[in-house]
PDB file of N, CA and C in Angstrom:
ATOM      1  N   MET A   1      48.119  35.645  92.288  1.00  0.00           N
ATOM      2  CA  MET A   1      47.476  36.517  93.250  1.00  0.00           C
ATOM      3  C   MET A   1      46.551  35.721  94.165  1.00  0.00           C
ATOM      4  N   HIS A   2      45.889  34.722  93.561  1.00  0.00           N
ATOM      5  CA  HIS A   2      44.979  33.880  94.325  1.00  0.00           C
ATOM      6  C   HIS A   2      45.735  33.120  95.419  1.00  0.00           C
ATOM      7  N   ILE A   3      46.921  32.667  95.116  1.00  0.00           N
ATOM      8  CA  ILE A   3      47.723  31.908  96.072  1.00  0.00           C
ATOM      9  C   ILE A   3      48.153  32.812  97.231  1.00  0.00           C
ATOM     10  N   LEU A   4      48.521  34.034  96.936  1.00  0.00           N
ATOM     11  CA  LEU A   4      48.943  34.987  97.982  1.00  0.00           C
ATOM     12  C   LEU A   4      47.809  35.302  98.921  1.00  0.00           C
ATOM     13  N   ILE A   5      46.630  35.493  98.375  1.00  0.00           N
ATOM     14  CA  ILE A   5      45.445  35.750  99.205  1.00  0.00           C
ATOM     15  C   ILE A   5      45.126  34.519 100.069  1.00  0.00           C
ATOM     16  N   SER A   6      45.219  33.357  99.471  1.00  0.00           N
ATOM     17  CA  SER A   6      44.997  32.113 100.230  1.00  0.00           C
ATOM     18  C   SER A   6      45.990  31.989 101.367  1.00  0.00           C
ATOM     19  N   PHE A   7      47.274  32.292 101.084  1.00  0.00           N
ATOM     20  CA  PHE A   7      48.300  32.227 102.114  1.00  0.00           C
ATOM     21  C   PHE A   7      47.973  33.165 103.268  1.00  0.00           C
ATOM     22  N   ILE A   8      47.629  34.396 102.960  1.00  0.00           N
ATOM     23  CA  ILE A   8      47.343  35.407 104.004  1.00  0.00           C
ATOM     24  C   ILE A   8      46.122  34.989 104.819  1.00  0.00           C
ATOM     25  N   VAL A   9      45.076  34.506 104.158  1.00  0.00           N
ATOM     26  CA  VAL A   9      43.857  34.117 104.870  1.00  0.00           C
ATOM     27  C   VAL A   9      44.131  32.928 105.795  1.00  0.00           C
ATOM     28  N   VAL A  10      44.802  31.917 105.302  1.00  0.00           N
ATOM     29  CA  VAL A  10      45.085  30.739 106.122  1.00  0.00           C
ATOM     30  C   VAL A  10      46.038  31.097 107.253  1.00  0.00           C
ATOM     31  N   PHE A  11      47.032  31.940 106.977  1.00  0.00           N
ATOM     32  CA  PHE A  11      47.974  32.383 108.008  1.00  0.00           C
ATOM     33  C   PHE A  11      47.225  33.130 109.119  1.00  0.00           C
ATOM     34  N   LEU A  12      46.358  34.080 108.739  1.00  0.00           N
ATOM     35  CA  LEU A  12      45.637  34.860 109.747  1.00  0.00           C
ATOM     36  C   LEU A  12      44.686  34.006 110.552  1.00  0.00           C
ATOM     37  N   ILE A  13      43.976  33.109 109.919  1.00  0.00           N
ATOM     38  CA  ILE A  13      43.054  32.231 110.653  1.00  0.00           C
ATOM     39  C   ILE A  13      43.806  31.370 111.643  1.00  0.00           C
ATOM     40  N   THR A  14      44.897  30.781 111.208  1.00  0.00           N
ATOM     41  CA  THR A  14      45.689  29.906 112.090  1.00  0.00           C
ATOM     42  C   THR A  14      46.302  30.704 113.233  1.00  0.00           C
ATOM     43  N   TYR A  15      46.860  31.880 112.928  1.00  0.00           N
ATOM     44  CA  TYR A  15      47.515  32.684 113.990  1.00  0.00           C
ATOM     45  C   TYR A  15      46.459  33.189 114.977  1.00  0.00           C
ATOM     46  N   LEU A  16      45.321  33.663 114.478  1.00  0.00           N
ATOM     47  CA  LEU A  16      44.278  34.174 115.387  1.00  0.00           C
ATOM     48  C   LEU A  16      43.723  33.064 116.259  1.00  0.00           C
ATOM     49  N   PHE A  17      43.568  31.893 115.689  1.00  0.00           N
ATOM     50  CA  PHE A  17      43.124  30.732 116.500  1.00  0.00           C
ATOM     51  C   PHE A  17      44.109  30.458 117.629  1.00  0.00           C
ATOM     52  N   TYR A  18      45.398  30.448 117.293  1.00  0.00           N
ATOM     53  CA  TYR A  18      46.424  30.210 118.302  1.00  0.00           C
ATOM     54  C   TYR A  18      46.467  31.367 119.292  1.00  0.00           C
ATOM     55  N   LEU A  19      46.256  32.579 118.847  1.00  0.00           N
ATOM     56  CA  LEU A  19      46.264  33.759 119.710  1.00  0.00           C
ATOM     57  C   LEU A  19      45.162  33.672 120.756  1.00  0.00           C
ATOM     58  N   PHE A  20      43.944  33.403 120.310  1.00  0.00           N
ATOM     59  CA  PHE A  20      42.826  33.383 121.227  1.00  0.00           C
ATOM     60  C   PHE A  20      42.805  32.172 122.165  1.00  0.00           C
ATOM     61  N   PHE A  21      43.285  31.036 121.687  1.00  0.00           N
ATOM     62  CA  PHE A  21      43.198  29.828 122.498  1.00  0.00           C
ATOM     63  C   PHE A  21      44.470  29.494 123.276  1.00  0.00           C
ATOM     64  N   VAL A  22      45.581  30.158 122.982  1.00  0.00           N
ATOM     65  CA  VAL A  22      46.816  29.849 123.713  1.00  0.00           C
ATOM     66  C   VAL A  22      47.444  31.105 124.300  1.00  0.00           C
ATOM     67  N   ILE A  23      47.752  32.076 123.467  1.00  0.00           N
ATOM     68  CA  ILE A  23      48.553  33.229 123.913  1.00  0.00           C
ATOM     69  C   ILE A  23      47.815  34.102 124.911  1.00  0.00           C
ATOM     70  N   LEU A  24      46.532  34.317 124.701  1.00  0.00           N
ATOM     71  CA  LEU A  24      45.773  35.201 125.580  1.00  0.00           C
ATOM     72  C   LEU A  24      45.285  34.523 126.869  1.00  0.00           C
ATOM     73  N   ARG A  25      45.514  33.234 126.996  1.00  0.00           N
ATOM     74  CA  ARG A  25      45.133  32.525 128.205  1.00  0.00           C
ATOM     75  C   ARG A  25      46.355  32.248 129.044  1.00  0.00           C
ATOM     76  N   LYS A  26      46.337  32.761 130.273  1.00  0.00           N
ATOM     77  CA  LYS A  26      47.521  32.646 131.123  1.00  0.00           C
ATOM     78  C   LYS A  26      47.859  31.214 131.473  1.00  0.00           C
ATOM     79  N   ASN A  27      46.862  30.395 131.719  1.00  0.00           N
ATOM     80  CA  ASN A  27      47.148  29.012 132.093  1.00  0.00           C
ATOM     81  C   ASN A  27      47.733  28.212 130.915  1.00  0.00           C
ATOM     82  N   LYS A  28      47.393  28.560 129.679  1.00  0.00           N
ATOM     83  CA  LYS A  28      47.948  27.888 128.508  1.00  0.00           C
ATOM     84  C   LYS A  28      49.352  28.396 128.200  1.00  0.00           C
ATOM     85  N   VAL A  29      49.581  29.706 128.389  1.00  0.00           N
ATOM     86  CA  VAL A  29      50.906  30.266 128.116  1.00  0.00           C
ATOM     87  C   VAL A  29      51.911  29.730 129.100  1.00  0.00           C
ATOM     88  N   SER A  30      51.515  29.488 130.325  1.00  0.00           N
ATOM     89  CA  SER A  30      52.461  28.973 131.305  1.00  0.00           C
ATOM     90  C   SER A  30      52.918  27.549 130.979  1.00  0.00           C
ATOM     91  N   LYS A  31      52.141  26.825 130.177  1.00  0.00           N
ATOM     92  CA  LYS A  31      52.493  25.462 129.792  1.00  0.00           C
ATOM     93  C   LYS A  31      53.246  25.394 128.456  1.00  0.00           C
ATOM     94  N   ILE A  32      53.537  26.557 127.872  1.00  0.00           N
ATOM     95  CA  ILE A  32      54.135  26.593 126.535  1.00  0.00           C
ATOM     96  C   ILE A  32      55.534  25.976 126.507  1.00  0.00           C
ATOM     97  N   LYS A  33      56.234  26.021 127.606  1.00  0.00           N
ATOM     98  CA  LYS A  33      57.602  25.464 127.628  1.00  0.00           C
ATOM     99  C   LYS A  33      57.611  23.957 127.689  1.00  0.00           C
ATOM    100  N   ASN A  34      56.459  23.337 127.831  1.00  0.00           N
ATOM    101  CA  ASN A  34      56.383  21.877 127.825  1.00  0.00           C
ATOM    102  C   ASN A  34      55.746  21.343 126.555  1.00  0.00           C
ATOM    103  N   CYS A  35      55.485  22.206 125.574  1.00  0.00           N
ATOM    104  CA  CYS A  35      54.894  21.720 124.340  1.00  0.00           C
ATOM    105  C   CYS A  35      55.963  21.086 123.444  1.00  0.00           C
ATOM    106  N   THR A  36      55.553  20.373 122.450  1.00  0.00           N
ATOM    107  CA  THR A  36      56.464  19.633 121.597  1.00  0.00           C
ATOM    108  C   THR A  36      57.477  20.527 120.905  1.00  0.00           C
ATOM    109  N   GLU A  37      57.026  21.674 120.420  1.00  0.00           N
ATOM    110  CA  GLU A  37      57.905  22.557 119.693  1.00  0.00           C
ATOM    111  C   GLU A  37      59.042  23.090 120.580  1.00  0.00           C
ATOM    112  N   SER A  38      58.684  23.535 121.781  1.00  0.00           N
ATOM    113  CA  SER A  38      59.695  24.108 122.656  1.00  0.00           C
ATOM    114  C   SER A  38      60.615  23.009 123.203  1.00  0.00           C
ATOM    115  N   LEU A  39      60.105  21.801 123.429  1.00  0.00           N
ATOM    116  CA  LEU A  39      60.965  20.694 123.847  1.00  0.00           C
ATOM    117  C   LEU A  39      61.942  20.305 122.748  1.00  0.00           C
ATOM    118  N   PHE A  40      61.490  20.360 121.495  1.00  0.00           N
ATOM    119  CA  PHE A  40      62.393  20.097 120.362  1.00  0.00           C
ATOM    120  C   PHE A  40      63.518  21.126 120.328  1.00  0.00           C
ATOM    121  N   LEU A  41      63.166  22.406 120.477  1.00  0.00           N
ATOM    122  CA  LEU A  41      64.181  23.456 120.455  1.00  0.00           C
ATOM    123  C   LEU A  41      65.139  23.305 121.638  1.00  0.00           C
ATOM    124  N   LYS A  42      64.575  22.979 122.780  1.00  0.00           N
ATOM    125  CA  LYS A  42      65.403  22.863 123.999  1.00  0.00           C
ATOM    126  C   LYS A  42      66.401  21.718 123.885  1.00  0.00           C
ATOM    127  N   LYS A  43      65.948  20.547 123.432  1.00  0.00           N
ATOM    128  CA  LYS A  43      66.821  19.383 123.352  1.00  0.00           C
ATOM    129  C   LYS A  43      67.809  19.462 122.181  1.00  0.00           C
ATOM    130  N   ARG A  44      67.340  19.898 121.021  1.00  0.00           N
ATOM    131  CA  ARG A  44      68.208  19.886 119.841  1.00  0.00           C
ATOM    132  C   ARG A  44      69.274  20.962 119.902  1.00  0.00           C
ATOM    133  N   PHE A  45      68.933  22.132 120.425  1.00  0.00           N
ATOM    134  CA  PHE A  45      69.879  23.243 120.419  1.00  0.00           C
ATOM    135  C   PHE A  45      70.393  23.580 121.810  1.00  0.00           C
ATOM    136  N   LYS A  46      70.027  22.765 122.782  1.00  0.00           N
ATOM    137  CA  LYS A  46      70.495  22.944 124.168  1.00  0.00           C
ATOM    138  C   LYS A  46      70.221  24.362 124.663  1.00  0.00           C
ATOM    139  N   LEU A  47      69.006  24.820 124.482  1.00  0.00           N
ATOM    140  CA  LEU A  47      68.619  26.166 124.887  1.00  0.00           C
ATOM    141  C   LEU A  47      68.143  26.161 126.339  1.00  0.00           C
ATOM    142  N   LYS A  48      68.377  27.249 127.009  1.00  0.00           N
ATOM    143  CA  LYS A  48      67.853  27.454 128.359  1.00  0.00           C
ATOM    144  C   LYS A  48      66.574  28.280 128.198  1.00  0.00           C
ATOM    145  N   MET A  49      65.467  27.638 128.378  1.00  0.00           N
ATOM    146  CA  MET A  49      64.178  28.306 128.142  1.00  0.00           C
ATOM    147  C   MET A  49      63.839  29.346 129.217  1.00  0.00           C
ATOM    148  N   ASP A  50      64.614  29.386 130.282  1.00  0.00           N
ATOM    149  CA  ASP A  50      64.349  30.360 131.337  1.00  0.00           C
ATOM    150  C   ASP A  50      64.610  31.787 130.859  1.00  0.00           C
ATOM    151  N   LYS A  51      65.489  31.956 129.879  1.00  0.00           N
ATOM    152  CA  LYS A  51      65.833  33.278 129.386  1.00  0.00           C
ATOM    153  C   LYS A  51      64.791  33.837 128.420  1.00  0.00           C
ATOM    154  N   ILE A  52      63.940  32.974 127.913  1.00  0.00           N
ATOM    155  CA  ILE A  52      62.913  33.402 126.941  1.00  0.00           C
ATOM    156  C   ILE A  52      61.584  33.494 127.687  1.00  0.00           C
ATOM    157  N   SER A  53      60.890  34.620 127.532  1.00  0.00           N
ATOM    158  CA  SER A  53      59.599  34.767 128.195  1.00  0.00           C
ATOM    159  C   SER A  53      58.562  33.848 127.545  1.00  0.00           C
ATOM    160  N   ASP A  54      57.574  33.490 128.316  1.00  0.00           N
ATOM    161  CA  ASP A  54      56.548  32.578 127.826  1.00  0.00           C
ATOM    162  C   ASP A  54      55.756  33.174 126.669  1.00  0.00           C
ATOM    163  N   LYS A  55      55.418  34.447 126.786  1.00  0.00           N
ATOM    164  CA  LYS A  55      54.633  35.104 125.710  1.00  0.00           C
ATOM    165  C   LYS A  55      55.427  35.192 124.427  1.00  0.00           C
ATOM    166  N   LYS A  56      56.713  35.501 124.529  1.00  0.00           N
ATOM    167  CA  LYS A  56      57.566  35.607 123.350  1.00  0.00           C
ATOM    168  C   LYS A  56      57.693  34.240 122.679  1.00  0.00           C
ATOM    169  N   LEU A  57      57.915  33.200 123.470  1.00  0.00           N
ATOM    170  CA  LEU A  57      58.017  31.868 122.905  1.00  0.00           C
ATOM    171  C   LEU A  57      56.694  31.429 122.269  1.00  0.00           C
ATOM    172  N   ALA A  58      55.582  31.755 122.909  1.00  0.00           N
ATOM    173  CA  ALA A  58      54.277  31.415 122.354  1.00  0.00           C
ATOM    174  C   ALA A  58      54.042  32.142 121.018  1.00  0.00           C
ATOM    175  N   ASN A  59      54.450  33.396 120.928  1.00  0.00           N
ATOM    176  CA  ASN A  59      54.292  34.126 119.670  1.00  0.00           C
ATOM    177  C   ASN A  59      55.186  33.554 118.576  1.00  0.00           C
ATOM    178  N   ILE A  60      56.401  33.196 118.938  1.00  0.00           N
ATOM    179  CA  ILE A  60      57.306  32.590 117.946  1.00  0.00           C
ATOM    180  C   ILE A  60      56.720  31.290 117.406  1.00  0.00           C
ATOM    181  N   ILE A  61      56.232  30.466 118.305  1.00  0.00           N
ATOM    182  CA  ILE A  61      55.655  29.187 117.894  1.00  0.00           C
ATOM    183  C   ILE A  61      54.376  29.402 117.069  1.00  0.00           C
ATOM    184  N   ALA A  62      53.557  30.373 117.466  1.00  0.00           N
ATOM    185  CA  ALA A  62      52.321  30.641 116.728  1.00  0.00           C
ATOM    186  C   ALA A  62      52.592  31.118 115.325  1.00  0.00           C
ATOM    187  N   ILE A  63      53.519  32.042 115.172  1.00  0.00           N
ATOM    188  CA  ILE A  63      53.863  32.554 113.844  1.00  0.00           C
ATOM    189  C   ILE A  63      54.477  31.469 112.983  1.00  0.00           C
ATOM    190  N   THR A  64      55.338  30.666 113.589  1.00  0.00           N
ATOM    191  CA  THR A  64      55.975  29.574 112.848  1.00  0.00           C
ATOM    192  C   THR A  64      54.944  28.554 112.382  1.00  0.00           C
ATOM    193  N   ASN A  65      54.099  28.107 113.285  1.00  0.00           N
ATOM    194  CA  ASN A  65      53.087  27.104 112.901  1.00  0.00           C
ATOM    195  C   ASN A  65      52.120  27.663 111.880  1.00  0.00           C
ATOM    196  N   ALA A  66      51.733  28.904 112.013  1.00  0.00           N
ATOM    197  CA  ALA A  66      50.818  29.510 111.029  1.00  0.00           C
ATOM    198  C   ALA A  66      51.464  29.579 109.660  1.00  0.00           C
ATOM    199  N   SER A  67      52.729  29.929 109.610  1.00  0.00           N
ATOM    200  CA  SER A  67      53.405  30.000 108.309  1.00  0.00           C
ATOM    201  C   SER A  67      53.602  28.622 107.695  1.00  0.00           C
ATOM    202  N   ILE A  68      53.887  27.620 108.532  1.00  0.00           N
ATOM    203  CA  ILE A  68      54.033  26.259 108.011  1.00  0.00           C
ATOM    204  C   ILE A  68      52.712  25.748 107.433  1.00  0.00           C
ATOM    205  N   ILE A  69      51.634  25.967 108.149  1.00  0.00           N
ATOM    206  CA  ILE A  69      50.318  25.502 107.683  1.00  0.00           C
ATOM    207  C   ILE A  69      49.899  26.245 106.414  1.00  0.00           C
ATOM    208  N   ALA A  70      50.112  27.565 106.393  1.00  0.00           N
ATOM    209  CA  ALA A  70      49.714  28.347 105.219  1.00  0.00           C
ATOM    210  C   ALA A  70      50.553  27.985 104.012  1.00  0.00           C
ATOM    211  N   THR A  71      51.853  27.769 104.178  1.00  0.00           N
ATOM    212  CA  THR A  71      52.705  27.372 103.069  1.00  0.00           C
ATOM    213  C   THR A  71      52.299  26.015 102.523  1.00  0.00           C
ATOM    214  N   THR A  72      52.048  25.082 103.419  1.00  0.00           N
ATOM    215  CA  THR A  72      51.611  23.759 102.978  1.00  0.00           C
ATOM    216  C   THR A  72      50.279  23.819 102.230  1.00  0.00           C
ATOM    217  N   PHE A  73      49.369  24.624 102.719  1.00  0.00           N
ATOM    218  CA  PHE A  73      48.080  24.785 102.055  1.00  0.00           C
ATOM    219  C   PHE A  73      48.250  25.327 100.649  1.00  0.00           C
ATOM    220  N   CYS A  74      49.126  26.308 100.494  1.00  0.00           N
ATOM    221  CA  CYS A  74      49.339  26.917  99.167  1.00  0.00           C
ATOM    222  C   CYS A  74      50.044  25.977  98.211  1.00  0.00           C
ATOM    223  N   ILE A  75      50.951  25.169  98.721  1.00  0.00           N
ATOM    224  CA  ILE A  75      51.679  24.229  97.863  1.00  0.00           C
ATOM    225  C   ILE A  75      50.766  23.147  97.338  1.00  0.00           C
ATOM    226  N   ILE A  76      49.877  22.644  98.165  1.00  0.00           N
ATOM    227  CA  ILE A  76      49.020  21.541  97.708  1.00  0.00           C
ATOM    228  C   ILE A  76      47.921  21.989  96.767  1.00  0.00           C
ATOM    229  N   GLU A  77      47.725  23.270  96.606  1.00  0.00           N
ATOM    230  CA  GLU A  77      46.720  23.748  95.654  1.00  0.00           C
ATOM    231  C   GLU A  77      47.150  23.468  94.207  1.00  0.00           C
ATOM    232  N   PHE A  78      48.439  23.206  93.981  1.00  0.00           N
ATOM    233  CA  PHE A  78      48.940  22.930  92.630  1.00  0.00           C
ATOM    234  C   PHE A  78      48.720  21.473  92.235  1.00  0.00           C
ATOM    235  N   VAL A  79      48.422  20.599  93.173  1.00  0.00           N
ATOM    236  CA  VAL A  79      48.295  19.156  92.899  1.00  0.00           C
ATOM    237  C   VAL A  79      46.823  18.822  92.775  1.00  0.00           C
ATOM    238  N   GLU A  80      46.490  18.061  91.748  1.00  0.00           N
ATOM    239  CA  GLU A  80      45.084  17.706  91.502  1.00  0.00           C
ATOM    240  C   GLU A  80      44.696  16.353  92.113  1.00  0.00           C
ATOM    241  N   ASN A  81      45.568  15.381  92.060  1.00  0.00           N
ATOM    242  CA  ASN A  81      45.279  14.050  92.533  1.00  0.00           C
ATOM    243  C   ASN A  81      45.275  13.999  94.060  1.00  0.00           C
ATOM    244  N   TYR A  82      44.246  13.384  94.655  1.00  0.00           N
ATOM    245  CA  TYR A  82      44.113  13.380  96.115  1.00  0.00           C
ATOM    246  C   TYR A  82      45.194  12.555  96.798  1.00  0.00           C
ATOM    247  N   ILE A  83      45.589  11.466  96.196  1.00  0.00           N
ATOM    248  CA  ILE A  83      46.647  10.632  96.803  1.00  0.00           C
ATOM    249  C   ILE A  83      47.969  11.405  96.773  1.00  0.00           C
ATOM    250  N   LEU A  84      48.250  12.086  95.691  1.00  0.00           N
ATOM    251  CA  LEU A  84      49.466  12.900  95.619  1.00  0.00           C
ATOM    252  C   LEU A  84      49.385  14.080  96.584  1.00  0.00           C
ATOM    253  N   LYS A  85      48.204  14.636  96.767  1.00  0.00           N
ATOM    254  CA  LYS A  85      48.027  15.725  97.725  1.00  0.00           C
ATOM    255  C   LYS A  85      48.429  15.298  99.113  1.00  0.00           C
ATOM    256  N   ILE A  86      47.960  14.130  99.531  1.00  0.00           N
ATOM    257  CA  ILE A  86      48.289  13.639 100.870  1.00  0.00           C
ATOM    258  C   ILE A  86      49.784  13.407 101.002  1.00  0.00           C
ATOM    259  N   MET A  87      50.391  12.848  99.963  1.00  0.00           N
ATOM    260  CA  MET A  87      51.844  12.630 100.010  1.00  0.00           C
ATOM    261  C   MET A  87      52.591  13.965 100.072  1.00  0.00           C
ATOM    262  N   PHE A  88      52.168  14.921  99.263  1.00  0.00           N
ATOM    263  CA  PHE A  88      52.795  16.246  99.280  1.00  0.00           C
ATOM    264  C   PHE A  88      52.613  16.945 100.629  1.00  0.00           C
ATOM    265  N   ILE A  89      51.424  16.809 101.217  1.00  0.00           N
ATOM    266  CA  ILE A  89      51.172  17.405 102.524  1.00  0.00           C
ATOM    267  C   ILE A  89      52.162  16.843 103.545  1.00  0.00           C
ATOM    268  N   PHE A  90      52.288  15.528 103.583  1.00  0.00           N
ATOM    269  CA  PHE A  90      53.155  14.890 104.553  1.00  0.00           C
ATOM    270  C   PHE A  90      54.617  15.338 104.353  1.00  0.00           C
ATOM    271  N   VAL A  91      55.088  15.252 103.139  1.00  0.00           N
ATOM    272  CA  VAL A  91      56.495  15.609 102.856  1.00  0.00           C
ATOM    273  C   VAL A  91      56.731  17.098 103.120  1.00  0.00           C
ATOM    274  N   THR A  92      55.850  17.933 102.674  1.00  0.00           N
ATOM    275  CA  THR A  92      56.016  19.381 102.865  1.00  0.00           C
ATOM    276  C   THR A  92      55.986  19.751 104.335  1.00  0.00           C
ATOM    277  N   LEU A  93      55.078  19.187 105.088  1.00  0.00           N
ATOM    278  CA  LEU A  93      55.021  19.474 106.523  1.00  0.00           C
ATOM    279  C   LEU A  93      56.314  19.074 107.237  1.00  0.00           C
ATOM    280  N   MET A  94      56.802  17.888 106.948  1.00  0.00           N
ATOM    281  CA  MET A  94      58.029  17.419 107.607  1.00  0.00           C
ATOM    282  C   MET A  94      59.217  18.301 107.255  1.00  0.00           C
ATOM    283  N   VAL A  95      59.364  18.616 105.988  1.00  0.00           N
ATOM    284  CA  VAL A  95      60.498  19.466 105.569  1.00  0.00           C
ATOM    285  C   VAL A  95      60.405  20.844 106.171  1.00  0.00           C
ATOM    286  N   LEU A  96      59.220  21.460 106.124  1.00  0.00           N
ATOM    287  CA  LEU A  96      59.059  22.806 106.669  1.00  0.00           C
ATOM    288  C   LEU A  96      59.248  22.846 108.173  1.00  0.00           C
ATOM    289  N   ILE A  97      58.713  21.861 108.872  1.00  0.00           N
ATOM    290  CA  ILE A  97      58.846  21.840 110.339  1.00  0.00           C
ATOM    291  C   ILE A  97      60.314  21.774 110.725  1.00  0.00           C
ATOM    292  N   PHE A  98      61.045  20.833 110.145  1.00  0.00           N
ATOM    293  CA  PHE A  98      62.457  20.694 110.519  1.00  0.00           C
ATOM    294  C   PHE A  98      63.297  21.874 110.050  1.00  0.00           C
ATOM    295  N   ALA A  99      63.014  22.399 108.866  1.00  0.00           N
ATOM    296  CA  ALA A  99      63.796  23.530 108.366  1.00  0.00           C
ATOM    297  C   ALA A  99      63.552  24.814 109.171  1.00  0.00           C
ATOM    298  N   ILE A 100      62.292  25.142 109.381  1.00  0.00           N
ATOM    299  CA  ILE A 100      61.985  26.400 110.050  1.00  0.00           C
ATOM    300  C   ILE A 100      62.346  26.343 111.520  1.00  0.00           C
ATOM    301  N   TYR A 101      62.090  25.235 112.181  1.00  0.00           N
ATOM    302  CA  TYR A 101      62.458  25.142 113.592  1.00  0.00           C
ATOM    303  C   TYR A 101      63.974  25.078 113.792  1.00  0.00           C
ATOM    304  N   THR A 102      64.692  24.566 112.792  1.00  0.00           N
ATOM    305  CA  THR A 102      66.152  24.617 112.856  1.00  0.00           C
ATOM    306  C   THR A 102      66.635  26.053 112.754  1.00  0.00           C
ATOM    307  N   ILE A 103      66.052  26.818 111.853  1.00  0.00           N
ATOM    308  CA  ILE A 103      66.427  28.244 111.724  1.00  0.00           C
ATOM    309  C   ILE A 103      66.097  28.987 113.010  1.00  0.00           C
ATOM    310  N   ILE A 104      64.935  28.759 113.567  1.00  0.00           N
ATOM    311  CA  ILE A 104      64.557  29.423 114.797  1.00  0.00           C
ATOM    312  C   ILE A 104      65.480  29.011 115.945  1.00  0.00           C
ATOM    313  N   GLY A 105      65.826  27.762 116.018  1.00  0.00           N
ATOM    314  CA  GLY A 105      66.742  27.286 117.046  1.00  0.00           C
ATOM    315  C   GLY A 105      68.104  27.937 116.945  1.00  0.00           C
ATOM    316  N   LYS A 106      68.624  28.097 115.732  1.00  0.00           N
ATOM    317  CA  LYS A 106      69.903  28.758 115.509  1.00  0.00           C
ATOM    318  C   LYS A 106      69.818  30.234 115.923  1.00  0.00           C
ATOM    319  N   ILE A 107      68.721  30.902 115.589  1.00  0.00           N
ATOM    320  CA  ILE A 107      68.555  32.302 115.976  1.00  0.00           C
ATOM    321  C   ILE A 107      68.484  32.451 117.486  1.00  0.00           C
ATOM    322  N   LEU A 108      67.711  31.589 118.142  1.00  0.00           N
ATOM    323  CA  LEU A 108      67.606  31.636 119.594  1.00  0.00           C
ATOM    324  C   LEU A 108      68.931  31.304 120.275  1.00  0.00           C
ATOM    325  N   GLN A 109      69.693  30.412 119.660  1.00  0.00           N
ATOM    326  CA  GLN A 109      71.007  30.040 120.180  1.00  0.00           C
ATOM    327  C   GLN A 109      71.938  31.266 120.135  1.00  0.00           C
ATOM    328  N   LYS A 110      71.915  32.004 119.044  1.00  0.00           N
ATOM    329  CA  LYS A 110      72.771  33.183 118.907  1.00  0.00           C
ATOM    330  C   LYS A 110      72.354  34.260 119.894  1.00  0.00           C
ATOM    331  N   LYS A 111      71.041  34.452 120.053  1.00  0.00           N
ATOM    332  CA  LYS A 111      70.570  35.455 121.011  1.00  0.00           C
ATOM    333  C   LYS A 111      70.921  35.076 122.464  1.00  0.00           C
ATOM    334  N   GLU A 112      70.877  33.796 122.734  1.00  0.00           N
ATOM    335  CA  GLU A 112      71.190  33.316 124.074  1.00  0.00           C
ATOM    336  C   GLU A 112      72.679  33.484 124.399  1.00  0.00           C
ATOM    337  N   GLY A 113      73.488  33.376 123.359  1.00  0.00           N
ATOM    338  CA  GLY A 113      74.936  33.500 123.542  1.00  0.00           C
ATOM    339  C   GLY A 113      75.395  34.892 123.867  1.00  0.00           C
ATOM    340  N   LYS A 114      74.565  35.889 123.563  1.00  0.00           N
ATOM    341  CA  LYS A 114      74.968  37.284 123.810  1.00  0.00           C
ATOM    342  C   LYS A 114      74.848  37.671 125.235  1.00  0.00           C
TER     343      LYS A 114
END
């Protein structure tokens, strides 16, 4: 139960931070198609970002990043050694980033094809 509460708290803090500092600011949302995440999706899955609205893309990226950070935070709570924690953080982040953004890219690819 403690892990679930930790996940929800970290997820909400991360998402709200992204919401207030990126999504609700028009000048930041307009630059969302040039961020690393959207460029990865564009190049790897050959997506046309013109079909996706900036706000929708920003929300997708915010939810994805919040879930990646919260999941990583919850996984490292099981490890006691600090050196192992750092190694687990690095490995978990890389695996989650590539796995979740691959899933999102496939979903966006299917939606674009319709």
